[in-house]
């Protein structure tokens, strides 16, 4: 499940993005300036990068998915406080029935759940039904939407849907939503079934992701057409109030939201989770009437807004870690104000990818593999973690992130190693030498060797670029930077026109296939940004994906990780350690490794009543 977050110009989130054109307000709310006083019972948070829109099939960034997850609901969710993570019911009446061969999944939806009011419903209450989930999955296959996350379902081989998509493409006709597909259908008003061509032991986790499988009403989509991303209508606790693009998003309590009371099962030895569960026990959700989200792209204004009390929660920018968290302990001046800190390793992976179609760094010939491995060896990950991230991460040994299957804290590989001598030896061996005596290496055929890294224009990105420049200059390789806005670079990346770029990938489920999928050949132009294509790797990916968790699957995943180290289509840098700062008035906040729907559990203004 792809959740492409941002360019590596920031350690925990992108710190700058161009303002998107236009400012539109939606719903009954009114947009306010960032300095305006918020109404009572408002949770105030900040995004580091502008949202893109709130239509699930067209979402590929974390910020938009967090908003969508507060509006739409999937059949399942996660227990807010349980660690290890545990699935819970959301709109489902019971856990799905999963066939012994892991090919058939049957979901039963609870009657009496209603969508938020919208003119598309013509004044009538609109009940959630099984067909809404069938429709939401089919939308990923609509060629018109060009859904980047379609691979979530294509890799699982949901029966019949790819054929419907291919028919629409071939005939140049609209996608036929009414055509039956063997892989997903409503059995009755409240029951739907999914069938796969191959075993999918962990496929049901997809239905705990409202940013992918949140129910949408067909009449709403058809009413708003191409502007559906501006008019999200779901069954969740919030609805979109006001929205000024790239500036402010306002979520308001959904008056039609059913009665939902907090339930959680924290581990007996988890003191903090136990305390949160006691505080929230029996409380009706959501706990606030309004969520105010301001887009503050630069770290310093975001930090000052928190210090001044304009934000209730802050994901600590790593450059302020020495001030706020010296020695990874909350600074006394913050503790005196009642500020609390929650620090947690994340199921995320920072990486830089090499475009395998690029004539300089791409391909699997020995000299190109040697070049990529030399670049990886030249990068001093330990120093970068100390200087650039202020120690707020652990160095990555593979592309697989913590808390997911396939992650082994004892695994060690060349991915994390730094050796200038080995990097230079590799380049010498494969003909990347300085032929003209100008101090820079040329390619084996004598052509100039210049690596180009795509980057956003913010200060954080510039500081990272200087590290790249320094490390590669030390081995005689010239690096230049293609500077553009995040939306522009994303378009170029999907078109395959950048040589090198990077993101933070953040997992949505405990399934480590999410990370391995970024190198699976058929995912090219979707999650496989590198366009890596190695049949041996593809076979390993497919085999492990069909196996239940256990030693056999772990062994295959290790082989896959080893291949990615050997061919280096991705240079995995680090796994984030995120610190959330919260003021004393905040209650119930507890970052979950995978769940995006968090705001329904957060209260403000002192003890809850």
Foldseek 3Di string as FASTA:
>chain_A
DAQFAFFVLAPPHFQDFDFDPDFFWDAAFDDDALPDDDDPQEAEAADQFWADFAQLLQHRHLVSLLVNPQFFAFQKAWFQAAPVIDIDGDQFPDAWDADPLQFKTKTFGDWDFWKFDDCLVVPDTHTDWQVLLLLLLLVNLWVVSVRLPVVLVVLQAFFASVVQSVVCVVVVHTRDSPDDGPQWDAPDGGMIMGGGPFHFPPSCLQRNRSSRRGGDDPSLCVVQPPCSRVADMYRHQWGWGTTTTLFKTKTFGRPSHDWDARDHDYDPPPVVSVVQCVLRHGPTWQFGGMYMYGYRSHQPVSVVCVVVVSHFKDFHRQVCCCVQQNVHHGDPVCVVQQKDKDKFFFQKWWWKFFAQPDPAQHDQDLLNLLLLLLLQQLQQLVVCCCPQRVVQWAWDQFLGGPLAQLDDPVDHDSLNHHDLVSSLVSCVVQQQADPPPPQATDHNVRHRAEAEEEFEDDPSSVVVVVSSQVSQSSSRGHYYYHYDGGVVVVVCLLVSNHRMIIGMTAAQDRHRLNRLVLQQQVSRSRSVSNNHDDVVLNVLSSVLSNDDDDDVSSVSSVVNRVVCSSRVSMRTRTTGIIMMMGGNQKGSQDDDNRGSHGSRRITGDHRRD
